[in-house]
């Protein structure tokens, strides 16, 4: 099983966050950098993968509103894709 740890504590905006997700998770060049595209890529994973997403206890900037939406996408994708397991940590 692949285990990928995502440190999302440093981000204040969604543009740099999606750039990080694209690079870290190996998404294709055409990745749309939005929540729908993230969901599509996560549900397309075909090898057993565990994502551990670390969020800031007190998100900065736009992440205060965006972090709960990202968590929801991670959880929804894990429900749809039996190859994907997701857990969250706070830092």
PDB file of N, CA and C in Angstrom:
ATOM      1  N   UNK A   1       0.843  -1.183   0.000  1.00  0.00           N
ATOM      2  CA  UNK A   1       0.000   0.000   0.000  1.00  0.00           C
ATOM      3  C   UNK A   1       0.886   1.243   0.000  1.00  0.00           C
ATOM      4  N   UNK A   2       0.581   2.156  -0.886  1.00  0.00           N
ATOM      5  CA  UNK A   2       1.274   3.447  -0.902  1.00  0.00           C
ATOM      6  C   UNK A   2       0.718   4.308   0.222  1.00  0.00           C
ATOM      7  N   UNK A   3       1.596   4.962   0.938  1.00  0.00           N
ATOM      8  CA  UNK A   3       1.150   5.925   1.942  1.00  0.00           C
ATOM      9  C   UNK A   3       1.744   7.281   1.594  1.00  0.00           C
ATOM     10  N   UNK A   4       0.866   8.261   1.468  1.00  0.00           N
ATOM     11  CA  UNK A   4       1.295   9.608   1.104  1.00  0.00           C
ATOM     12  C   UNK A   4       0.835  10.560   2.192  1.00  0.00           C
ATOM     13  N   UNK A   5       1.783  11.305   2.712  1.00  0.00           N
ATOM     14  CA  UNK A   5       1.490  12.295   3.750  1.00  0.00           C
ATOM     15  C   UNK A   5       1.462  13.673   3.096  1.00  0.00           C
ATOM     16  N   UNK A   6       0.339  14.345   3.236  1.00  0.00           N
ATOM     17  CA  UNK A   6       0.152  15.672   2.650  1.00  0.00           C
ATOM     18  C   UNK A   6       0.193  16.714   3.758  1.00  0.00           C
ATOM     19  N   UNK A   7       1.213  17.552   3.748  1.00  0.00           N
ATOM     20  CA  UNK A   7       1.311  18.625   4.734  1.00  0.00           C
ATOM     21  C   UNK A   7       0.640  19.861   4.148  1.00  0.00           C
ATOM     22  N   UNK A   8      -0.593  20.101   4.563  1.00  0.00           N
ATOM     23  CA  UNK A   8      -1.389  21.204   4.024  1.00  0.00           C
ATOM     24  C   UNK A   8      -1.402  22.405   4.963  1.00  0.00           C
ATOM     25  N   UNK A   9      -0.527  22.411   5.939  1.00  0.00           N
ATOM     26  CA  UNK A   9      -0.516  23.472   6.955  1.00  0.00           C
ATOM     27  C   UNK A   9       0.054  24.786   6.443  1.00  0.00           C
ATOM     28  N   UNK A  10       0.864  24.746   5.412  1.00  0.00           N
ATOM     29  CA  UNK A  10       1.585  25.931   4.959  1.00  0.00           C
ATOM     30  C   UNK A  10       0.816  26.808   3.978  1.00  0.00           C
ATOM     31  N   UNK A  11      -0.319  26.351   3.515  1.00  0.00           N
ATOM     32  CA  UNK A  11      -1.007  27.044   2.431  1.00  0.00           C
ATOM     33  C   UNK A  11      -2.029  28.056   2.934  1.00  0.00           C
ATOM     34  N   UNK A  12      -2.090  29.176   2.214  1.00  0.00           N
ATOM     35  CA  UNK A  12      -3.055  30.232   2.529  1.00  0.00           C
ATOM     36  C   UNK A  12      -4.035  30.458   1.394  1.00  0.00           C
ATOM     37  N   UNK A  13      -3.755  29.860   0.224  1.00  0.00           N
ATOM     38  CA  UNK A  13      -4.658  30.031  -0.915  1.00  0.00           C
ATOM     39  C   UNK A  13      -4.757  28.720  -1.684  1.00  0.00           C
ATOM     40  N   UNK A  14      -5.815  28.604  -2.453  1.00  0.00           N
ATOM     41  CA  UNK A  14      -6.073  27.344  -3.132  1.00  0.00           C
ATOM     42  C   UNK A  14      -5.194  27.115  -4.361  1.00  0.00           C
ATOM     43  N   UNK A  15      -4.684  28.166  -4.963  1.00  0.00           N
ATOM     44  CA  UNK A  15      -3.843  27.996  -6.154  1.00  0.00           C
ATOM     45  C   UNK A  15      -2.568  27.237  -5.808  1.00  0.00           C
ATOM     46  N   UNK A  16      -1.861  27.686  -4.780  1.00  0.00           N
ATOM     47  CA  UNK A  16      -0.625  26.991  -4.401  1.00  0.00           C
ATOM     48  C   UNK A  16      -0.923  25.623  -3.806  1.00  0.00           C
ATOM     49  N   UNK A  17      -2.048  25.483  -3.137  1.00  0.00           N
ATOM     50  CA  UNK A  17      -2.444  24.185  -2.596  1.00  0.00           C
ATOM     51  C   UNK A  17      -2.630  23.176  -3.723  1.00  0.00           C
ATOM     52  N   UNK A  18      -3.362  23.547  -4.757  1.00  0.00           N
ATOM     53  CA  UNK A  18      -3.602  22.617  -5.866  1.00  0.00           C
ATOM     54  C   UNK A  18      -2.312  22.313  -6.628  1.00  0.00           C
ATOM     55  N   UNK A  19      -1.421  23.271  -6.726  1.00  0.00           N
ATOM     56  CA  UNK A  19      -0.123  23.023  -7.366  1.00  0.00           C
ATOM     57  C   UNK A  19       0.633  21.945  -6.574  1.00  0.00           C
ATOM     58  N   UNK A  20       0.612  22.075  -5.238  1.00  0.00           N
ATOM     59  CA  UNK A  20       1.263  21.094  -4.365  1.00  0.00           C
ATOM     60  C   UNK A  20       0.618  19.713  -4.521  1.00  0.00           C
ATOM     61  N   UNK A  21      -0.716  19.666  -4.536  1.00  0.00           N
ATOM     62  CA  UNK A  21      -1.404  18.386  -4.682  1.00  0.00           C
ATOM     63  C   UNK A  21      -1.062  17.729  -6.018  1.00  0.00           C
ATOM     64  N   UNK A  22      -1.036  18.524  -7.080  1.00  0.00           N
ATOM     65  CA  UNK A  22      -0.701  18.005  -8.408  1.00  0.00           C
ATOM     66  C   UNK A  22       0.682  17.380  -8.412  1.00  0.00           C
ATOM     67  N   UNK A  23       1.663  18.092  -7.846  1.00  0.00           N
ATOM     68  CA  UNK A  23       3.036  17.594  -7.836  1.00  0.00           C
ATOM     69  C   UNK A  23       3.206  16.396  -6.913  1.00  0.00           C
ATOM     70  N   UNK A  24       2.639  16.476  -5.731  1.00  0.00           N
ATOM     71  CA  UNK A  24       2.823  15.417  -4.731  1.00  0.00           C
ATOM     72  C   UNK A  24       2.098  14.130  -5.111  1.00  0.00           C
ATOM     73  N   UNK A  25       0.907  14.272  -5.674  1.00  0.00           N
ATOM     74  CA  UNK A  25       0.112  13.089  -6.006  1.00  0.00           C
ATOM     75  C   UNK A  25       0.309  12.629  -7.446  1.00  0.00           C
ATOM     76  N   UNK A  26       1.129  13.355  -8.208  1.00  0.00           N
ATOM     77  CA  UNK A  26       1.435  12.926  -9.571  1.00  0.00           C
ATOM     78  C   UNK A  26       0.274  13.058 -10.539  1.00  0.00           C
ATOM     79  N   UNK A  27      -0.526  14.085 -10.358  1.00  0.00           N
ATOM     80  CA  UNK A  27      -1.649  14.302 -11.259  1.00  0.00           C
ATOM     81  C   UNK A  27      -1.127  14.728 -12.635  1.00  0.00           C
ATOM     82  N   UNK A  28      -1.903  14.471 -13.690  1.00  0.00           N
ATOM     83  CA  UNK A  28      -1.463  14.814 -15.044  1.00  0.00           C
ATOM     84  C   UNK A  28      -1.398  16.327 -15.280  1.00  0.00           C
ATOM     85  N   UNK A  29      -0.710  16.709 -16.348  1.00  0.00           N
ATOM     86  CA  UNK A  29      -0.510  18.129 -16.656  1.00  0.00           C
ATOM     87  C   UNK A  29      -1.823  18.882 -16.830  1.00  0.00           C
ATOM     88  N   UNK A  30      -2.876  18.194 -17.220  1.00  0.00           N
ATOM     89  CA  UNK A  30      -4.166  18.854 -17.470  1.00  0.00           C
ATOM     90  C   UNK A  30      -5.046  18.953 -16.222  1.00  0.00           C
ATOM     91  N   UNK A  31      -4.498  18.609 -15.061  1.00  0.00           N
ATOM     92  CA  UNK A  31      -5.256  18.703 -13.806  1.00  0.00           C
ATOM     93  C   UNK A  31      -5.872  20.098 -13.678  1.00  0.00           C
ATOM     94  N   UNK A  32      -7.172  20.164 -13.419  1.00  0.00           N
ATOM     95  CA  UNK A  32      -7.912  21.416 -13.431  1.00  0.00           C
ATOM     96  C   UNK A  32      -7.746  22.317 -12.223  1.00  0.00           C
ATOM     97  N   UNK A  33      -7.061  21.863 -11.189  1.00  0.00           N
ATOM     98  CA  UNK A  33      -6.785  22.679 -10.004  1.00  0.00           C
ATOM     99  C   UNK A  33      -8.045  23.240  -9.369  1.00  0.00           C
ATOM    100  N   UNK A  34      -9.040  22.374  -9.191  1.00  0.00           N
ATOM    101  CA  UNK A  34     -10.259  22.739  -8.474  1.00  0.00           C
ATOM    102  C   UNK A  34     -10.786  21.494  -7.775  1.00  0.00           C
ATOM    103  N   UNK A  35     -11.824  21.647  -6.987  1.00  0.00           N
ATOM    104  CA  UNK A  35     -12.320  20.520  -6.189  1.00  0.00           C
ATOM    105  C   UNK A  35     -12.899  19.398  -7.038  1.00  0.00           C
ATOM    106  N   UNK A  36     -13.548  19.727  -8.136  1.00  0.00           N
ATOM    107  CA  UNK A  36     -14.081  18.681  -9.020  1.00  0.00           C
ATOM    108  C   UNK A  36     -12.945  17.867  -9.637  1.00  0.00           C
ATOM    109  N   UNK A  37     -11.905  18.547 -10.089  1.00  0.00           N
ATOM    110  CA  UNK A  37     -10.754  17.853 -10.669  1.00  0.00           C
ATOM    111  C   UNK A  37     -10.054  16.990  -9.623  1.00  0.00           C
ATOM    112  N   UNK A  38      -9.948  17.506  -8.399  1.00  0.00           N
ATOM    113  CA  UNK A  38      -9.348  16.738  -7.310  1.00  0.00           C
ATOM    114  C   UNK A  38     -10.146  15.459  -7.065  1.00  0.00           C
ATOM    115  N   UNK A  39     -11.444  15.584  -7.007  1.00  0.00           N
ATOM    116  CA  UNK A  39     -12.307  14.412  -6.814  1.00  0.00           C
ATOM    117  C   UNK A  39     -12.105  13.405  -7.941  1.00  0.00           C
ATOM    118  N   UNK A  40     -12.079  13.885  -9.174  1.00  0.00           N
ATOM    119  CA  UNK A  40     -11.884  12.991 -10.316  1.00  0.00           C
ATOM    120  C   UNK A  40     -10.565  12.235 -10.224  1.00  0.00           C
ATOM    121  N   UNK A  41      -9.506  12.931  -9.878  1.00  0.00           N
ATOM    122  CA  UNK A  41      -8.196  12.273  -9.792  1.00  0.00           C
ATOM    123  C   UNK A  41      -8.143  11.275  -8.637  1.00  0.00           C
ATOM    124  N   UNK A  42      -8.716  11.640  -7.500  1.00  0.00           N
ATOM    125  CA  UNK A  42      -8.699  10.729  -6.347  1.00  0.00           C
ATOM    126  C   UNK A  42      -9.522   9.475  -6.596  1.00  0.00           C
ATOM    127  N   UNK A  43     -10.627   9.612  -7.283  1.00  0.00           N
ATOM    128  CA  UNK A  43     -11.455   8.434  -7.563  1.00  0.00           C
ATOM    129  C   UNK A  43     -10.871   7.593  -8.695  1.00  0.00           C
ATOM    130  N   UNK A  44      -9.862   8.107  -9.384  1.00  0.00           N
ATOM    131  CA  UNK A  44      -9.210   7.361 -10.466  1.00  0.00           C
ATOM    132  C   UNK A  44      -8.003   6.557  -9.990  1.00  0.00           C
ATOM    133  N   UNK A  45      -7.634   6.678  -8.735  1.00  0.00           N
ATOM    134  CA  UNK A  45      -6.490   5.935  -8.201  1.00  0.00           C
ATOM    135  C   UNK A  45      -6.792   4.438  -8.264  1.00  0.00           C
ATOM    136  N   UNK A  46      -5.843   3.678  -8.808  1.00  0.00           N
ATOM    137  CA  UNK A  46      -6.080   2.241  -9.008  1.00  0.00           C
ATOM    138  C   UNK A  46      -5.174   1.343  -8.171  1.00  0.00           C
ATOM    139  N   UNK A  47      -4.285   1.921  -7.378  1.00  0.00           N
ATOM    140  CA  UNK A  47      -3.465   1.126  -6.465  1.00  0.00           C
ATOM    141  C   UNK A  47      -3.846   1.512  -5.034  1.00  0.00           C
ATOM    142  N   UNK A  48      -3.767   0.566  -4.135  1.00  0.00           N
ATOM    143  CA  UNK A  48      -4.134   0.840  -2.744  1.00  0.00           C
ATOM    144  C   UNK A  48      -3.272   1.973  -2.200  1.00  0.00           C
ATOM    145  N   UNK A  49      -3.935   3.023  -1.768  1.00  0.00           N
ATOM    146  CA  UNK A  49      -3.261   4.242  -1.346  1.00  0.00           C
ATOM    147  C   UNK A  49      -3.888   4.774  -0.073  1.00  0.00           C
ATOM    148  N   UNK A  50      -3.041   5.144   0.868  1.00  0.00           N
ATOM    149  CA  UNK A  50      -3.501   5.796   2.087  1.00  0.00           C
ATOM    150  C   UNK A  50      -2.988   7.224   2.073  1.00  0.00           C
ATOM    151  N   UNK A  51      -3.908   8.177   2.144  1.00  0.00           N
ATOM    152  CA  UNK A  51      -3.544   9.585   2.241  1.00  0.00           C
ATOM    153  C   UNK A  51      -3.709  10.038   3.675  1.00  0.00           C
ATOM    154  N   UNK A  52      -2.678  10.647   4.206  1.00  0.00           N
ATOM    155  CA  UNK A  52      -2.747  11.269   5.519  1.00  0.00           C
ATOM    156  C   UNK A  52      -2.612  12.764   5.285  1.00  0.00           C
ATOM    157  N   UNK A  53      -3.691  13.496   5.476  1.00  0.00           N
ATOM    158  CA  UNK A  53      -3.702  14.936   5.223  1.00  0.00           C
ATOM    159  C   UNK A  53      -3.572  15.677   6.549  1.00  0.00           C
ATOM    160  N   UNK A  54      -2.537  16.498   6.652  1.00  0.00           N
ATOM    161  CA  UNK A  54      -2.293  17.264   7.865  1.00  0.00           C
ATOM    162  C   UNK A  54      -2.741  18.701   7.619  1.00  0.00           C
ATOM    163  N   UNK A  55      -3.711  19.128   8.405  1.00  0.00           N
ATOM    164  CA  UNK A  55      -4.263  20.471   8.292  1.00  0.00           C
ATOM    165  C   UNK A  55      -3.837  21.306   9.490  1.00  0.00           C
ATOM    166  N   UNK A  56      -3.757  22.606   9.289  1.00  0.00           N
ATOM    167  CA  UNK A  56      -3.437  23.524  10.378  1.00  0.00           C
ATOM    168  C   UNK A  56      -4.615  23.588  11.351  1.00  0.00           C
ATOM    169  N   UNK A  57      -4.311  23.646  12.619  1.00  0.00           N
ATOM    170  CA  UNK A  57      -5.361  23.772  13.629  1.00  0.00           C
ATOM    171  C   UNK A  57      -6.169  25.048  13.396  1.00  0.00           C
ATOM    172  N   UNK A  58      -5.462  26.104  13.039  1.00  0.00           N
ATOM    173  CA  UNK A  58      -6.110  27.371  12.711  1.00  0.00           C
ATOM    174  C   UNK A  58      -5.664  27.780  11.313  1.00  0.00           C
ATOM    175  N   UNK A  59      -6.441  27.409  10.287  1.00  0.00           N
ATOM    176  CA  UNK A  59      -6.052  27.716   8.906  1.00  0.00           C
ATOM    177  C   UNK A  59      -5.885  29.213   8.665  1.00  0.00           C
ATOM    178  N   UNK A  60      -4.979  29.537   7.740  1.00  0.00           N
ATOM    179  CA  UNK A  60      -4.684  30.924   7.416  1.00  0.00           C
ATOM    180  C   UNK A  60      -5.369  31.325   6.109  1.00  0.00           C
ATOM    181  N   UNK A  61      -5.616  32.610   5.957  1.00  0.00           N
ATOM    182  CA  UNK A  61      -6.145  33.144   4.704  1.00  0.00           C
ATOM    183  C   UNK A  61      -7.423  32.468   4.248  1.00  0.00           C
ATOM    184  N   UNK A  62      -7.487  32.184   2.970  1.00  0.00           N
ATOM    185  CA  UNK A  62      -8.664  31.547   2.382  1.00  0.00           C
ATOM    186  C   UNK A  62      -8.852  30.106   2.829  1.00  0.00           C
ATOM    187  N   UNK A  63      -7.831  29.525   3.424  1.00  0.00           N
ATOM    188  CA  UNK A  63      -7.921  28.122   3.830  1.00  0.00           C
ATOM    189  C   UNK A  63      -8.929  27.899   4.948  1.00  0.00           C
ATOM    190  N   UNK A  64      -9.269  28.939   5.665  1.00  0.00           N
ATOM    191  CA  UNK A  64     -10.264  28.786   6.728  1.00  0.00           C
ATOM    192  C   UNK A  64     -11.585  28.259   6.161  1.00  0.00           C
ATOM    193  N   UNK A  65     -11.953  28.737   4.988  1.00  0.00           N
ATOM    194  CA  UNK A  65     -13.188  28.284   4.344  1.00  0.00           C
ATOM    195  C   UNK A  65     -12.951  27.102   3.403  1.00  0.00           C
ATOM    196  N   UNK A  66     -11.757  27.012   2.847  1.00  0.00           N
ATOM    197  CA  UNK A  66     -11.471  25.999   1.833  1.00  0.00           C
ATOM    198  C   UNK A  66     -11.104  24.643   2.432  1.00  0.00           C
ATOM    199  N   UNK A  67     -10.463  24.624   3.588  1.00  0.00           N
ATOM    200  CA  UNK A  67     -10.017  23.363   4.200  1.00  0.00           C
ATOM    201  C   UNK A  67     -11.168  22.380   4.448  1.00  0.00           C
ATOM    202  N   UNK A  68     -12.302  22.815   4.992  1.00  0.00           N
ATOM    203  CA  UNK A  68     -13.392  21.856   5.180  1.00  0.00           C
ATOM    204  C   UNK A  68     -13.915  21.276   3.862  1.00  0.00           C
ATOM    205  N   UNK A  69     -13.861  22.059   2.807  1.00  0.00           N
ATOM    206  CA  UNK A  69     -14.314  21.576   1.500  1.00  0.00           C
ATOM    207  C   UNK A  69     -13.353  20.531   0.948  1.00  0.00           C
ATOM    208  N   UNK A  70     -12.065  20.746   1.163  1.00  0.00           N
ATOM    209  CA  UNK A  70     -11.071  19.759   0.713  1.00  0.00           C
ATOM    210  C   UNK A  70     -11.249  18.458   1.491  1.00  0.00           C
ATOM    211  N   UNK A  71     -11.446  18.574   2.794  1.00  0.00           N
ATOM    212  CA  UNK A  71     -11.672  17.367   3.601  1.00  0.00           C
ATOM    213  C   UNK A  71     -12.865  16.590   3.079  1.00  0.00           C
ATOM    214  N   UNK A  72     -13.931  17.287   2.740  1.00  0.00           N
ATOM    215  CA  UNK A  72     -15.140  16.635   2.228  1.00  0.00           C
ATOM    216  C   UNK A  72     -14.845  15.900   0.920  1.00  0.00           C
ATOM    217  N   UNK A  73     -14.059  16.518   0.050  1.00  0.00           N
ATOM    218  CA  UNK A  73     -13.692  15.869  -1.216  1.00  0.00           C
ATOM    219  C   UNK A  73     -12.869  14.611  -0.947  1.00  0.00           C
ATOM    220  N   UNK A  74     -11.909  14.699  -0.033  1.00  0.00           N
ATOM    221  CA  UNK A  74     -11.114  13.518   0.313  1.00  0.00           C
ATOM    222  C   UNK A  74     -12.013  12.386   0.823  1.00  0.00           C
ATOM    223  N   UNK A  75     -12.920  12.704   1.717  1.00  0.00           N
ATOM    224  CA  UNK A  75     -13.807  11.686   2.282  1.00  0.00           C
ATOM    225  C   UNK A  75     -14.749  11.104   1.231  1.00  0.00           C
ATOM    226  N   UNK A  76     -15.329  11.954   0.401  1.00  0.00           N
ATOM    227  CA  UNK A  76     -16.229  11.472  -0.655  1.00  0.00           C
ATOM    228  C   UNK A  76     -15.489  10.555  -1.624  1.00  0.00           C
ATOM    229  N   UNK A  77     -14.276  10.944  -2.000  1.00  0.00           N
ATOM    230  CA  UNK A  77     -13.493  10.122  -2.928  1.00  0.00           C
ATOM    231  C   UNK A  77     -13.155   8.771  -2.309  1.00  0.00           C
ATOM    232  N   UNK A  78     -12.823   8.761  -1.024  1.00  0.00           N
ATOM    233  CA  UNK A  78     -12.499   7.503  -0.346  1.00  0.00           C
ATOM    234  C   UNK A  78     -13.724   6.589  -0.266  1.00  0.00           C
ATOM    235  N   UNK A  79     -14.904   7.174  -0.125  1.00  0.00           N
ATOM    236  CA  UNK A  79     -16.129   6.366  -0.112  1.00  0.00           C
ATOM    237  C   UNK A  79     -16.391   5.728  -1.475  1.00  0.00           C
ATOM    238  N   UNK A  80     -16.029   6.425  -2.533  1.00  0.00           N
ATOM    239  CA  UNK A  80     -16.276   5.941  -3.890  1.00  0.00           C
ATOM    240  C   UNK A  80     -15.185   5.018  -4.413  1.00  0.00           C
ATOM    241  N   UNK A  81     -13.974   5.155  -3.906  1.00  0.00           N
ATOM    242  CA  UNK A  81     -12.840   4.404  -4.430  1.00  0.00           C
ATOM    243  C   UNK A  81     -12.280   3.493  -3.334  1.00  0.00           C
ATOM    244  N   UNK A  82     -12.486   2.193  -3.487  1.00  0.00           N
ATOM    245  CA  UNK A  82     -12.029   1.260  -2.460  1.00  0.00           C
ATOM    246  C   UNK A  82     -10.504   1.150  -2.398  1.00  0.00           C
ATOM    247  N   UNK A  83      -9.787   1.708  -3.362  1.00  0.00           N
ATOM    248  CA  UNK A  83      -8.323   1.736  -3.324  1.00  0.00           C
ATOM    249  C   UNK A  83      -7.787   2.870  -2.444  1.00  0.00           C
ATOM    250  N   UNK A  84      -8.673   3.765  -2.031  1.00  0.00           N
ATOM    251  CA  UNK A  84      -8.240   4.967  -1.328  1.00  0.00           C
ATOM    252  C   UNK A  84      -8.717   4.984   0.105  1.00  0.00           C
ATOM    253  N   UNK A  85      -7.785   5.252   1.021  1.00  0.00           N
ATOM    254  CA  UNK A  85      -8.091   5.447   2.436  1.00  0.00           C
ATOM    255  C   UNK A  85      -7.562   6.826   2.814  1.00  0.00           C
ATOM    256  N   UNK A  86      -8.342   7.560   3.593  1.00  0.00           N
ATOM    257  CA  UNK A  86      -7.953   8.912   3.962  1.00  0.00           C
ATOM    258  C   UNK A  86      -8.045   9.070   5.476  1.00  0.00           C
ATOM    259  N   UNK A  87      -7.059   9.744   6.044  1.00  0.00           N
ATOM    260  CA  UNK A  87      -7.137  10.130   7.448  1.00  0.00           C
ATOM    261  C   UNK A  87      -6.611  11.551   7.574  1.00  0.00           C
ATOM    262  N   UNK A  88      -6.987  12.194   8.675  1.00  0.00           N
ATOM    263  CA  UNK A  88      -6.629  13.589   8.890  1.00  0.00           C
ATOM    264  C   UNK A  88      -5.895  13.748  10.217  1.00  0.00           C
ATOM    265  N   UNK A  89      -4.985  14.704  10.229  1.00  0.00           N
ATOM    266  CA  UNK A  89      -4.285  15.094  11.450  1.00  0.00           C
ATOM    267  C   UNK A  89      -4.296  16.606  11.529  1.00  0.00           C
ATOM    268  N   UNK A  90      -4.173  17.112  12.743  1.00  0.00           N
ATOM    269  CA  UNK A  90      -4.069  18.561  12.962  1.00  0.00           C
ATOM    270  C   UNK A  90      -2.699  18.905  13.479  1.00  0.00           C
ATOM    271  N   UNK A  91      -2.150  19.990  12.990  1.00  0.00           N
ATOM    272  CA  UNK A  91      -0.827  20.420  13.462  1.00  0.00           C
ATOM    273  C   UNK A  91      -0.908  21.834  13.975  1.00  0.00           C
TER     274      UNK A  91
END
